[in-house]
Amino acid sequence: MPFGVVGLGEAAALNSELASFFNAHAAADAARQNPLRYQSAVDLLLWPDPKVRSLATQMFRGVHSVVSSVNQFSEERWNSMSVEGLGWFTIVRPNGRVPATSYPLTSWCAVYCVAAPEPSTERHDSGALRLFEPRPTTMFQDASNSLLVPQYASGHSSWQPVPGQMAVFPASLTHEVGLIRAAGDLILVTLRVRYRAPGQTGMTQW
């Protein structure tokens, strides 16, 4: 499955301001209070705040860099497409997690890290983004397929969020964020992204 990690330098310069802004928004949102995890509404891309607009622009560019690298479209063809997205931010607090999910009617998912706690001394996978193996494991297992090269081996994968970096992968892939076993919050921004070719029909509303 395609998977890419992109460093967003311009967005990373805003991380401290974004973290303060998101925390203030979460504290004021009484309807969504949760001691372990706060998730905003999915209207983040509509927010007029310059910091958020800049982050969204950088994230869309990062998604395009990954998606275009695994496609054979010409630049002219890419430029003819329109892109659609939904976005939100999540604050995962100590002992919190993001349950396993996937996104229908969406081609790509992007997860950007705004802030992350120090690594846990107890669990190396604290706060890790886990990507679950999508292929059916019906192949007979014997000595010949117990140590296949990575691109053919079956098994789950994970990515440790790093501030300033963004993971991009197919939105159909079931994924989760593991329990935070460290002091401090993990702040993530998630985008659901899809492309529409000129004249394309049949894509329903989110």
N, C-alpha and C. Protein backbone atom coordinates (compact mmCIF):
# COMPACT_ATOMS: atom_id res chain seq x y z
N MET A 1 0.84 -1.19 0.00
CA MET A 1 0.00 0.00 0.00
C MET A 1 0.89 1.25 0.00
N PRO A 2 0.50 2.29 -0.74
CA PRO A 2 1.29 3.52 -0.71
C PRO A 2 1.29 4.14 0.68
N PHE A 3 2.45 4.62 1.09
CA PHE A 3 2.58 5.31 2.37
C PHE A 3 3.74 6.29 2.25
N GLY A 4 3.48 7.54 2.60
CA GLY A 4 4.53 8.54 2.53
C GLY A 4 4.57 9.40 3.76
N VAL A 5 5.76 9.90 4.09
CA VAL A 5 5.95 10.84 5.20
C VAL A 5 6.57 12.10 4.61
N VAL A 6 5.94 13.23 4.88
CA VAL A 6 6.36 14.52 4.32
C VAL A 6 6.67 15.48 5.45
N GLY A 7 7.80 16.14 5.36
CA GLY A 7 8.12 17.20 6.31
C GLY A 7 7.56 18.53 5.83
N LEU A 8 6.81 19.20 6.68
CA LEU A 8 6.19 20.48 6.31
C LEU A 8 6.87 21.60 7.09
N GLY A 9 7.98 22.08 6.55
CA GLY A 9 8.78 23.06 7.26
C GLY A 9 8.05 24.35 7.57
N GLU A 10 7.31 24.88 6.59
CA GLU A 10 6.59 26.13 6.82
C GLU A 10 5.50 25.97 7.87
N ALA A 11 4.84 24.82 7.84
CA ALA A 11 3.80 24.56 8.84
C ALA A 11 4.43 24.36 10.22
N ALA A 12 5.59 23.69 10.26
CA ALA A 12 6.23 23.42 11.55
C ALA A 12 6.57 24.71 12.29
N ALA A 13 6.86 25.78 11.54
CA ALA A 13 7.17 27.06 12.17
C ALA A 13 5.98 27.62 12.93
N LEU A 14 4.78 27.14 12.60
CA LEU A 14 3.56 27.61 13.24
C LEU A 14 3.09 26.69 14.37
N ASN A 15 3.80 25.60 14.60
CA ASN A 15 3.28 24.58 15.52
C ASN A 15 2.98 25.10 16.92
N SER A 16 3.85 25.92 17.46
CA SER A 16 3.62 26.43 18.81
C SER A 16 2.34 27.27 18.86
N GLU A 17 2.16 28.13 17.87
CA GLU A 17 0.95 28.95 17.81
C GLU A 17 -0.29 28.09 17.57
N LEU A 18 -0.15 27.11 16.70
CA LEU A 18 -1.28 26.22 16.42
C LEU A 18 -1.69 25.44 17.67
N ALA A 19 -0.70 24.94 18.41
CA ALA A 19 -1.00 24.17 19.63
C ALA A 19 -1.78 25.03 20.62
N SER A 20 -1.35 26.28 20.84
CA SER A 20 -2.06 27.18 21.76
C SER A 20 -3.46 27.48 21.26
N PHE A 21 -3.57 27.71 19.97
CA PHE A 21 -4.87 28.03 19.36
C PHE A 21 -5.84 26.87 19.49
N PHE A 22 -5.37 25.66 19.19
CA PHE A 22 -6.23 24.48 19.27
C PHE A 22 -6.62 24.18 20.72
N ASN A 23 -5.68 24.32 21.64
CA ASN A 23 -6.01 24.08 23.04
C ASN A 23 -7.05 25.06 23.55
N ALA A 24 -6.95 26.32 23.15
CA ALA A 24 -7.93 27.33 23.57
C ALA A 24 -9.30 27.01 22.99
N HIS A 25 -9.33 26.59 21.74
CA HIS A 25 -10.60 26.23 21.12
C HIS A 25 -11.22 25.03 21.84
N ALA A 26 -10.41 24.04 22.16
CA ALA A 26 -10.92 22.84 22.85
C ALA A 26 -11.46 23.20 24.23
N ALA A 27 -10.77 24.07 24.94
CA ALA A 27 -11.20 24.44 26.29
C ALA A 27 -12.54 25.17 26.27
N ALA A 28 -12.81 25.89 25.18
CA ALA A 28 -14.06 26.66 25.09
C ALA A 28 -15.22 25.86 24.53
N ASP A 29 -14.95 24.66 24.06
CA ASP A 29 -15.99 23.84 23.41
C ASP A 29 -16.58 22.87 24.43
N ALA A 30 -17.55 23.36 25.20
CA ALA A 30 -18.12 22.56 26.28
C ALA A 30 -18.83 21.31 25.77
N ALA A 31 -19.37 21.37 24.57
CA ALA A 31 -20.17 20.25 24.05
C ALA A 31 -19.33 19.02 23.73
N ARG A 32 -18.03 19.19 23.53
CA ARG A 32 -17.19 18.07 23.10
C ARG A 32 -16.14 17.70 24.15
N GLN A 33 -16.35 18.09 25.38
CA GLN A 33 -15.34 17.83 26.40
C GLN A 33 -15.20 16.33 26.67
N ASN A 34 -13.95 15.91 26.78
CA ASN A 34 -13.61 14.52 27.08
C ASN A 34 -12.26 14.54 27.77
N PRO A 35 -12.11 13.89 28.93
CA PRO A 35 -10.84 13.98 29.65
C PRO A 35 -9.67 13.30 28.93
N LEU A 36 -9.95 12.43 27.96
CA LEU A 36 -8.88 11.67 27.31
C LEU A 36 -8.61 12.10 25.87
N ARG A 37 -9.62 12.65 25.20
CA ARG A 37 -9.43 13.00 23.79
C ARG A 37 -10.43 14.06 23.37
N TYR A 38 -9.92 15.09 22.71
CA TYR A 38 -10.80 16.09 22.13
C TYR A 38 -10.67 16.02 20.61
N GLN A 39 -11.80 15.98 19.92
CA GLN A 39 -11.80 16.01 18.46
C GLN A 39 -12.74 17.11 18.00
N SER A 40 -12.23 18.02 17.19
CA SER A 40 -13.03 19.15 16.72
C SER A 40 -14.04 18.69 15.69
N ALA A 41 -14.93 19.59 15.32
CA ALA A 41 -15.83 19.33 14.20
C ALA A 41 -15.00 19.27 12.92
N VAL A 42 -15.61 18.71 11.86
CA VAL A 42 -14.86 18.49 10.61
C VAL A 42 -14.93 19.71 9.68
N ASP A 43 -14.96 20.89 10.26
CA ASP A 43 -15.05 22.12 9.46
C ASP A 43 -13.76 22.93 9.51
N LEU A 44 -12.66 22.31 9.88
CA LEU A 44 -11.41 23.04 10.08
C LEU A 44 -10.98 23.79 8.82
N LEU A 45 -11.22 23.22 7.65
CA LEU A 45 -10.79 23.85 6.40
C LEU A 45 -11.57 25.13 6.10
N LEU A 46 -12.65 25.36 6.83
CA LEU A 46 -13.45 26.57 6.63
C LEU A 46 -13.06 27.70 7.59
N TRP A 47 -12.19 27.40 8.54
CA TRP A 47 -11.82 28.42 9.52
C TRP A 47 -11.01 29.52 8.84
N PRO A 48 -11.29 30.79 9.13
CA PRO A 48 -10.58 31.89 8.46
C PRO A 48 -9.23 32.24 9.09
N ASP A 49 -8.90 31.67 10.23
CA ASP A 49 -7.64 32.03 10.91
C ASP A 49 -6.44 31.79 9.99
N PRO A 50 -5.54 32.77 9.85
CA PRO A 50 -4.40 32.64 8.93
C PRO A 50 -3.51 31.43 9.22
N LYS A 51 -3.33 31.09 10.50
CA LYS A 51 -2.49 29.95 10.84
C LYS A 51 -3.08 28.66 10.29
N VAL A 52 -4.38 28.51 10.44
CA VAL A 52 -5.06 27.31 9.97
C VAL A 52 -5.06 27.26 8.45
N ARG A 53 -5.27 28.41 7.80
CA ARG A 53 -5.26 28.45 6.34
C ARG A 53 -3.89 28.06 5.80
N SER A 54 -2.84 28.57 6.45
CA SER A 54 -1.48 28.23 6.02
C SER A 54 -1.20 26.74 6.20
N LEU A 55 -1.61 26.19 7.34
CA LEU A 55 -1.42 24.76 7.59
C LEU A 55 -2.15 23.93 6.54
N ALA A 56 -3.39 24.28 6.25
CA ALA A 56 -4.17 23.52 5.27
C ALA A 56 -3.50 23.54 3.90
N THR A 57 -3.00 24.70 3.50
CA THR A 57 -2.32 24.80 2.20
C THR A 57 -1.11 23.88 2.15
N GLN A 58 -0.30 23.89 3.22
CA GLN A 58 0.88 23.04 3.26
C GLN A 58 0.52 21.55 3.26
N MET A 59 -0.56 21.21 3.96
CA MET A 59 -0.97 19.80 4.00
C MET A 59 -1.44 19.32 2.64
N PHE A 60 -2.24 20.14 1.96
CA PHE A 60 -2.69 19.75 0.62
C PHE A 60 -1.51 19.58 -0.33
N ARG A 61 -0.53 20.47 -0.23
CA ARG A 61 0.67 20.34 -1.07
C ARG A 61 1.42 19.04 -0.75
N GLY A 62 1.51 18.73 0.54
CA GLY A 62 2.18 17.49 0.93
C GLY A 62 1.46 16.26 0.43
N VAL A 63 0.13 16.27 0.52
CA VAL A 63 -0.65 15.15 -0.01
C VAL A 63 -0.40 14.99 -1.50
N HIS A 64 -0.42 16.11 -2.22
CA HIS A 64 -0.21 16.06 -3.66
C HIS A 64 1.17 15.50 -4.01
N SER A 65 2.19 15.86 -3.23
CA SER A 65 3.53 15.36 -3.52
C SER A 65 3.60 13.85 -3.39
N VAL A 66 2.89 13.29 -2.42
CA VAL A 66 2.88 11.84 -2.24
C VAL A 66 2.04 11.16 -3.31
N VAL A 67 0.83 11.67 -3.52
CA VAL A 67 -0.09 11.04 -4.47
C VAL A 67 0.46 11.11 -5.89
N SER A 68 1.02 12.24 -6.27
CA SER A 68 1.55 12.37 -7.62
C SER A 68 2.76 11.45 -7.84
N SER A 69 3.49 11.14 -6.78
CA SER A 69 4.68 10.29 -6.91
C SER A 69 4.33 8.83 -7.20
N VAL A 70 3.08 8.44 -6.92
CA VAL A 70 2.68 7.04 -7.17
C VAL A 70 1.69 6.95 -8.33
N ASN A 71 1.60 8.03 -9.11
CA ASN A 71 0.71 8.05 -10.28
C ASN A 71 1.50 8.35 -11.54
N GLN A 72 0.85 8.15 -12.69
CA GLN A 72 1.49 8.39 -13.97
C GLN A 72 0.83 9.52 -14.76
N PHE A 73 0.01 10.33 -14.10
CA PHE A 73 -0.63 11.44 -14.78
C PHE A 73 0.40 12.51 -15.15
N SER A 74 0.15 13.20 -16.24
CA SER A 74 0.99 14.33 -16.62
C SER A 74 0.66 15.51 -15.71
N GLU A 75 1.56 16.49 -15.69
CA GLU A 75 1.32 17.68 -14.88
C GLU A 75 0.06 18.40 -15.35
N GLU A 76 -0.15 18.42 -16.67
CA GLU A 76 -1.35 19.05 -17.22
C GLU A 76 -2.61 18.37 -16.71
N ARG A 77 -2.58 17.04 -16.66
CA ARG A 77 -3.74 16.30 -16.17
C ARG A 77 -3.98 16.59 -14.69
N TRP A 78 -2.92 16.62 -13.90
CA TRP A 78 -3.06 16.93 -12.48
C TRP A 78 -3.68 18.31 -12.29
N ASN A 79 -3.20 19.26 -13.08
CA ASN A 79 -3.68 20.64 -12.93
C ASN A 79 -5.15 20.79 -13.32
N SER A 80 -5.67 19.84 -14.08
CA SER A 80 -7.08 19.91 -14.48
C SER A 80 -8.02 19.38 -13.41
N MET A 81 -7.47 18.70 -12.42
CA MET A 81 -8.30 18.10 -11.37
C MET A 81 -8.58 19.10 -10.26
N SER A 82 -9.72 18.93 -9.61
CA SER A 82 -10.02 19.70 -8.41
C SER A 82 -9.87 18.78 -7.21
N VAL A 83 -9.51 19.35 -6.08
CA VAL A 83 -9.30 18.55 -4.88
C VAL A 83 -10.36 18.93 -3.84
N GLU A 84 -10.85 17.93 -3.13
CA GLU A 84 -11.85 18.15 -2.08
C GLU A 84 -11.31 17.61 -0.76
N GLY A 85 -11.68 18.24 0.33
CA GLY A 85 -11.16 17.78 1.61
C GLY A 85 -12.06 18.12 2.79
N LEU A 86 -11.91 17.34 3.82
CA LEU A 86 -12.49 17.60 5.13
C LEU A 86 -11.35 17.56 6.14
N GLY A 87 -11.39 18.43 7.15
CA GLY A 87 -10.31 18.46 8.11
C GLY A 87 -10.78 18.69 9.53
N TRP A 88 -9.99 18.21 10.48
CA TRP A 88 -10.26 18.43 11.90
C TRP A 88 -8.98 18.24 12.69
N PHE A 89 -8.97 18.69 13.93
CA PHE A 89 -7.81 18.43 14.78
C PHE A 89 -8.23 17.60 15.97
N THR A 90 -7.26 16.87 16.50
CA THR A 90 -7.49 15.98 17.64
C THR A 90 -6.41 16.22 18.69
N ILE A 91 -6.81 16.33 19.93
CA ILE A 91 -5.87 16.40 21.05
C ILE A 91 -6.02 15.11 21.84
N VAL A 92 -4.99 14.29 21.83
CA VAL A 92 -5.01 13.02 22.56
C VAL A 92 -4.23 13.22 23.84
N ARG A 93 -4.90 13.04 24.96
CA ARG A 93 -4.28 13.29 26.26
C ARG A 93 -3.75 11.99 26.87
N PRO A 94 -2.92 12.07 27.93
CA PRO A 94 -2.38 10.86 28.54
C PRO A 94 -3.48 9.84 28.85
N ASN A 95 -3.22 8.59 28.48
CA ASN A 95 -4.14 7.45 28.61
C ASN A 95 -5.29 7.51 27.60
N GLY A 96 -5.24 8.46 26.66
CA GLY A 96 -6.24 8.54 25.61
C GLY A 96 -5.73 7.90 24.33
N ARG A 97 -6.62 7.72 23.38
CA ARG A 97 -6.28 7.11 22.10
C ARG A 97 -7.30 7.55 21.06
N VAL A 98 -7.02 7.24 19.79
CA VAL A 98 -7.98 7.42 18.72
C VAL A 98 -8.38 6.03 18.24
N PRO A 99 -9.65 5.65 18.37
CA PRO A 99 -10.09 4.30 18.00
C PRO A 99 -9.87 4.02 16.52
N ALA A 100 -9.77 2.74 16.19
CA ALA A 100 -9.55 2.31 14.82
C ALA A 100 -10.69 2.76 13.92
N THR A 101 -10.34 3.25 12.74
CA THR A 101 -11.34 3.74 11.80
C THR A 101 -10.78 3.71 10.39
N SER A 102 -11.65 3.93 9.42
CA SER A 102 -11.26 4.17 8.03
C SER A 102 -12.32 5.11 7.46
N TYR A 103 -12.09 5.66 6.27
CA TYR A 103 -12.98 6.69 5.76
C TYR A 103 -13.54 6.32 4.40
N PRO A 104 -14.87 6.17 4.31
CA PRO A 104 -15.50 5.87 3.02
C PRO A 104 -15.55 7.12 2.13
N LEU A 105 -15.74 6.92 0.85
CA LEU A 105 -15.88 8.01 -0.12
C LEU A 105 -14.68 8.95 -0.10
N THR A 106 -13.53 8.43 0.26
CA THR A 106 -12.31 9.22 0.40
C THR A 106 -11.15 8.40 -0.15
N SER A 107 -10.27 9.04 -0.90
CA SER A 107 -9.15 8.28 -1.45
C SER A 107 -7.91 8.32 -0.56
N TRP A 108 -7.61 9.49 0.03
CA TRP A 108 -6.37 9.63 0.79
C TRP A 108 -6.63 10.23 2.16
N CYS A 109 -5.82 9.80 3.13
CA CYS A 109 -5.87 10.35 4.48
C CYS A 109 -4.50 10.93 4.80
N ALA A 110 -4.48 12.10 5.41
CA ALA A 110 -3.23 12.73 5.83
C ALA A 110 -3.33 13.05 7.32
N VAL A 111 -2.28 12.74 8.06
CA VAL A 111 -2.24 13.00 9.50
C VAL A 111 -0.98 13.80 9.80
N TYR A 112 -1.17 15.05 10.22
CA TYR A 112 -0.05 15.95 10.52
C TYR A 112 0.11 16.09 12.03
N CYS A 113 1.35 16.07 12.48
CA CYS A 113 1.63 16.18 13.92
C CYS A 113 2.02 17.61 14.26
N VAL A 114 1.22 18.24 15.11
CA VAL A 114 1.49 19.60 15.61
C VAL A 114 2.37 19.55 16.84
N ALA A 115 2.08 18.62 17.75
CA ALA A 115 2.84 18.49 18.99
C ALA A 115 2.78 17.04 19.45
N ALA A 116 3.83 16.60 20.12
CA ALA A 116 3.88 15.22 20.63
C ALA A 116 4.61 15.21 21.96
N PRO A 117 4.19 14.33 22.87
CA PRO A 117 4.90 14.24 24.15
C PRO A 117 6.26 13.57 23.97
N GLU A 118 7.08 13.66 24.99
CA GLU A 118 8.36 12.94 24.97
C GLU A 118 8.09 11.44 24.88
N PRO A 119 9.00 10.68 24.27
CA PRO A 119 8.80 9.23 24.18
C PRO A 119 8.58 8.59 25.54
N SER A 120 7.71 7.59 25.57
CA SER A 120 7.41 6.89 26.81
C SER A 120 8.56 5.95 27.18
N THR A 121 8.88 5.89 28.46
CA THR A 121 9.88 4.93 28.93
C THR A 121 9.29 3.55 29.13
N GLU A 122 7.96 3.45 29.08
CA GLU A 122 7.28 2.18 29.32
C GLU A 122 6.85 1.50 28.03
N ARG A 123 6.36 2.28 27.05
CA ARG A 123 5.84 1.71 25.81
C ARG A 123 6.42 2.44 24.61
N HIS A 124 7.15 1.71 23.77
CA HIS A 124 7.76 2.35 22.59
C HIS A 124 6.70 2.78 21.57
N ASP A 125 5.51 2.17 21.64
CA ASP A 125 4.45 2.48 20.68
C ASP A 125 3.43 3.48 21.25
N SER A 126 3.80 4.19 22.30
CA SER A 126 2.90 5.19 22.87
C SER A 126 2.57 6.24 21.82
N GLY A 127 1.27 6.41 21.54
CA GLY A 127 0.83 7.43 20.59
C GLY A 127 1.14 7.13 19.14
N ALA A 128 1.52 5.91 18.83
CA ALA A 128 1.87 5.57 17.45
C ALA A 128 0.63 5.48 16.57
N LEU A 129 0.77 5.90 15.32
CA LEU A 129 -0.26 5.70 14.32
C LEU A 129 -0.09 4.29 13.78
N ARG A 130 -1.06 3.43 14.04
CA ARG A 130 -0.98 2.03 13.59
C ARG A 130 -1.82 1.84 12.34
N LEU A 131 -1.24 1.20 11.34
CA LEU A 131 -1.90 0.91 10.06
C LEU A 131 -2.06 -0.59 9.96
N PHE A 132 -3.29 -1.05 9.83
CA PHE A 132 -3.57 -2.48 9.91
C PHE A 132 -3.51 -3.16 8.55
N GLU A 133 -2.92 -4.32 8.52
CA GLU A 133 -2.77 -5.13 7.31
C GLU A 133 -4.12 -5.35 6.64
N PRO A 134 -4.29 -4.90 5.38
CA PRO A 134 -5.60 -5.02 4.73
C PRO A 134 -5.81 -6.31 3.95
N ARG A 135 -4.72 -7.06 3.70
CA ARG A 135 -4.86 -8.23 2.85
C ARG A 135 -5.35 -9.44 3.65
N PRO A 136 -6.18 -10.28 3.05
CA PRO A 136 -6.63 -11.49 3.77
C PRO A 136 -5.46 -12.45 3.96
N THR A 137 -5.30 -12.92 5.18
CA THR A 137 -4.18 -13.83 5.47
C THR A 137 -4.61 -15.28 5.30
N THR A 138 -4.96 -15.64 4.06
CA THR A 138 -5.41 -16.99 3.79
C THR A 138 -4.32 -17.87 3.18
N MET A 139 -3.17 -17.28 2.90
CA MET A 139 -2.07 -18.07 2.33
C MET A 139 -1.54 -19.05 3.37
N PHE A 140 -1.29 -20.28 2.94
CA PHE A 140 -0.75 -21.28 3.86
C PHE A 140 0.62 -20.82 4.37
N GLN A 141 0.80 -20.88 5.66
CA GLN A 141 2.04 -20.43 6.26
C GLN A 141 2.99 -21.60 6.49
N ASP A 142 4.18 -21.48 5.91
CA ASP A 142 5.23 -22.48 6.17
C ASP A 142 6.57 -21.76 6.20
N ALA A 143 7.67 -22.51 6.20
CA ALA A 143 8.98 -21.89 6.33
C ALA A 143 9.31 -20.97 5.17
N SER A 144 8.74 -21.21 4.00
CA SER A 144 9.10 -20.43 2.82
C SER A 144 8.54 -19.02 2.82
N ASN A 145 7.50 -18.75 3.60
CA ASN A 145 6.94 -17.40 3.61
C ASN A 145 6.94 -16.76 5.01
N SER A 146 7.79 -17.27 5.87
CA SER A 146 7.85 -16.74 7.23
C SER A 146 8.77 -15.54 7.36
N LEU A 147 9.59 -15.29 6.34
CA LEU A 147 10.53 -14.17 6.41
C LEU A 147 10.66 -13.51 5.04
N LEU A 148 9.52 -13.12 4.48
CA LEU A 148 9.50 -12.47 3.18
C LEU A 148 10.10 -11.07 3.26
N VAL A 149 10.58 -10.55 2.13
CA VAL A 149 11.11 -9.19 2.11
C VAL A 149 9.97 -8.23 2.45
N PRO A 150 10.29 -7.05 3.03
CA PRO A 150 9.25 -6.18 3.60
C PRO A 150 8.08 -5.86 2.68
N GLN A 151 8.34 -5.62 1.38
CA GLN A 151 7.21 -5.22 0.54
C GLN A 151 6.21 -6.34 0.27
N TYR A 152 6.57 -7.58 0.59
CA TYR A 152 5.66 -8.70 0.38
C TYR A 152 5.21 -9.35 1.69
N ALA A 153 5.85 -9.03 2.78
CA ALA A 153 5.49 -9.64 4.05
C ALA A 153 4.16 -9.10 4.55
N SER A 154 3.40 -9.93 5.25
CA SER A 154 2.15 -9.47 5.85
C SER A 154 2.42 -9.00 7.27
N GLY A 155 1.59 -8.12 7.73
CA GLY A 155 1.76 -7.61 9.08
C GLY A 155 1.37 -6.15 9.15
N HIS A 156 1.13 -5.67 10.35
CA HIS A 156 0.74 -4.29 10.56
C HIS A 156 1.97 -3.39 10.53
N SER A 157 1.72 -2.10 10.29
CA SER A 157 2.80 -1.11 10.28
C SER A 157 2.45 0.00 11.25
N SER A 158 3.46 0.78 11.60
CA SER A 158 3.20 1.91 12.50
C SER A 158 4.12 3.07 12.15
N TRP A 159 3.68 4.26 12.53
CA TRP A 159 4.46 5.49 12.34
C TRP A 159 4.37 6.30 13.62
N GLN A 160 5.51 6.75 14.09
CA GLN A 160 5.54 7.55 15.31
C GLN A 160 5.43 9.03 14.95
N PRO A 161 4.34 9.69 15.32
CA PRO A 161 4.17 11.11 14.97
C PRO A 161 5.32 11.97 15.48
N VAL A 162 5.82 12.82 14.61
CA VAL A 162 6.90 13.76 14.93
C VAL A 162 6.42 15.16 14.54
N PRO A 163 6.50 16.14 15.42
CA PRO A 163 6.06 17.49 15.07
C PRO A 163 6.70 17.98 13.78
N GLY A 164 5.85 18.48 12.88
CA GLY A 164 6.35 18.97 11.60
C GLY A 164 6.29 17.96 10.48
N GLN A 165 5.92 16.72 10.80
CA GLN A 165 5.83 15.67 9.78
C GLN A 165 4.38 15.24 9.58
N MET A 166 4.09 14.75 8.37
CA MET A 166 2.74 14.31 8.01
C MET A 166 2.81 12.96 7.32
N ALA A 167 1.94 12.04 7.72
CA ALA A 167 1.81 10.74 7.07
C ALA A 167 0.65 10.79 6.08
N VAL A 168 0.84 10.16 4.92
CA VAL A 168 -0.20 10.11 3.89
C VAL A 168 -0.37 8.65 3.46
N PHE A 169 -1.63 8.19 3.43
CA PHE A 169 -1.90 6.79 3.10
C PHE A 169 -3.33 6.67 2.60
N PRO A 170 -3.70 5.54 1.98
CA PRO A 170 -5.07 5.37 1.50
C PRO A 170 -6.07 5.45 2.65
N ALA A 171 -7.14 6.20 2.44
CA ALA A 171 -8.13 6.40 3.49
C ALA A 171 -8.92 5.15 3.81
N SER A 172 -8.88 4.16 2.92
CA SER A 172 -9.60 2.91 3.18
C SER A 172 -8.87 2.04 4.19
N LEU A 173 -7.63 2.37 4.49
CA LEU A 173 -6.82 1.57 5.40
C LEU A 173 -7.25 1.82 6.84
N THR A 174 -7.62 0.75 7.54
CA THR A 174 -8.00 0.89 8.95
C THR A 174 -6.77 1.31 9.76
N HIS A 175 -6.95 2.33 10.58
CA HIS A 175 -5.82 2.86 11.35
C HIS A 175 -6.32 3.36 12.70
N GLU A 176 -5.40 3.52 13.63
CA GLU A 176 -5.71 4.04 14.95
C GLU A 176 -4.49 4.74 15.52
N VAL A 177 -4.70 5.47 16.60
CA VAL A 177 -3.59 6.06 17.36
C VAL A 177 -3.58 5.39 18.72
N GLY A 178 -2.45 4.76 19.04
CA GLY A 178 -2.34 3.99 20.27
C GLY A 178 -2.40 4.84 21.52
N LEU A 179 -2.60 4.20 22.65
CA LEU A 179 -2.68 4.87 23.94
C LEU A 179 -1.44 5.72 24.21
N ILE A 180 -1.68 6.91 24.75
CA ILE A 180 -0.57 7.78 25.15
C ILE A 180 -0.11 7.33 26.53
N ARG A 181 1.11 6.81 26.59
CA ARG A 181 1.68 6.36 27.86
C ARG A 181 2.83 7.26 28.26
N ALA A 182 2.61 8.56 28.15
CA ALA A 182 3.64 9.54 28.49
C ALA A 182 2.94 10.81 28.97
N ALA A 183 3.70 11.68 29.61
CA ALA A 183 3.15 12.96 30.06
C ALA A 183 3.14 13.93 28.90
N GLY A 184 2.00 14.56 28.66
CA GLY A 184 1.89 15.52 27.57
C GLY A 184 0.87 15.08 26.55
N ASP A 185 0.43 16.03 25.73
CA ASP A 185 -0.62 15.77 24.75
C ASP A 185 -0.02 15.56 23.36
N LEU A 186 -0.74 14.77 22.58
CA LEU A 186 -0.44 14.58 21.16
C LEU A 186 -1.50 15.36 20.37
N ILE A 187 -1.07 16.30 19.55
CA ILE A 187 -2.00 17.12 18.76
C ILE A 187 -1.81 16.78 17.29
N LEU A 188 -2.88 16.31 16.67
CA LEU A 188 -2.85 15.89 15.28
C LEU A 188 -3.90 16.65 14.47
N VAL A 189 -3.60 16.89 13.20
CA VAL A 189 -4.58 17.43 12.26
C VAL A 189 -4.76 16.39 11.17
N THR A 190 -6.01 16.03 10.90
CA THR A 190 -6.32 14.99 9.92
C THR A 190 -7.08 15.58 8.75
N LEU A 191 -6.71 15.15 7.54
CA LEU A 191 -7.44 15.53 6.33
C LEU A 191 -7.94 14.27 5.63
N ARG A 192 -9.17 14.34 5.17
CA ARG A 192 -9.68 13.39 4.20
C ARG A 192 -9.65 14.08 2.84
N VAL A 193 -9.04 13.44 1.85
CA VAL A 193 -8.80 14.10 0.57
C VAL A 193 -9.25 13.20 -0.58
N ARG A 194 -9.84 13.81 -1.60
CA ARG A 194 -10.14 13.10 -2.84
C ARG A 194 -10.03 14.07 -4.01
N TYR A 195 -9.79 13.53 -5.19
CA TYR A 195 -9.61 14.33 -6.40
C TYR A 195 -10.78 14.07 -7.35
N ARG A 196 -11.15 15.13 -8.07
CA ARG A 196 -12.24 15.02 -9.03
C ARG A 196 -11.73 15.47 -10.40
N ALA A 197 -11.84 14.58 -11.40
CA ALA A 197 -11.43 14.91 -12.75
C ALA A 197 -12.50 15.75 -13.43
N PRO A 198 -12.15 16.53 -14.46
CA PRO A 198 -13.15 17.34 -15.17
C PRO A 198 -14.28 16.46 -15.72
N GLY A 199 -15.50 16.86 -15.42
CA GLY A 199 -16.66 16.12 -15.92
C GLY A 199 -16.99 14.87 -15.15
N GLN A 200 -16.21 14.55 -14.12
CA GLN A 200 -16.47 13.33 -13.36
C GLN A 200 -17.75 13.47 -12.55
N THR A 201 -18.58 12.44 -12.60
CA THR A 201 -19.82 12.41 -11.82
C THR A 201 -19.86 11.16 -10.97
N GLY A 202 -20.85 11.09 -10.10
CA GLY A 202 -21.04 9.89 -9.29
C GLY A 202 -20.41 9.95 -7.92
N MET A 203 -19.69 11.02 -7.60
CA MET A 203 -19.11 11.15 -6.26
C MET A 203 -20.14 11.82 -5.35
N THR A 204 -20.61 11.07 -4.38
CA THR A 204 -21.63 11.60 -3.47
C THR A 204 -21.01 12.54 -2.44
N GLN A 205 -21.85 13.30 -1.79
CA GLN A 205 -21.39 14.24 -0.77
C GLN A 205 -20.92 13.47 0.46
N TRP A 206 -19.97 14.06 1.19
CA TRP A 206 -19.53 13.50 2.46
C TRP A 206 -20.61 13.73 3.50
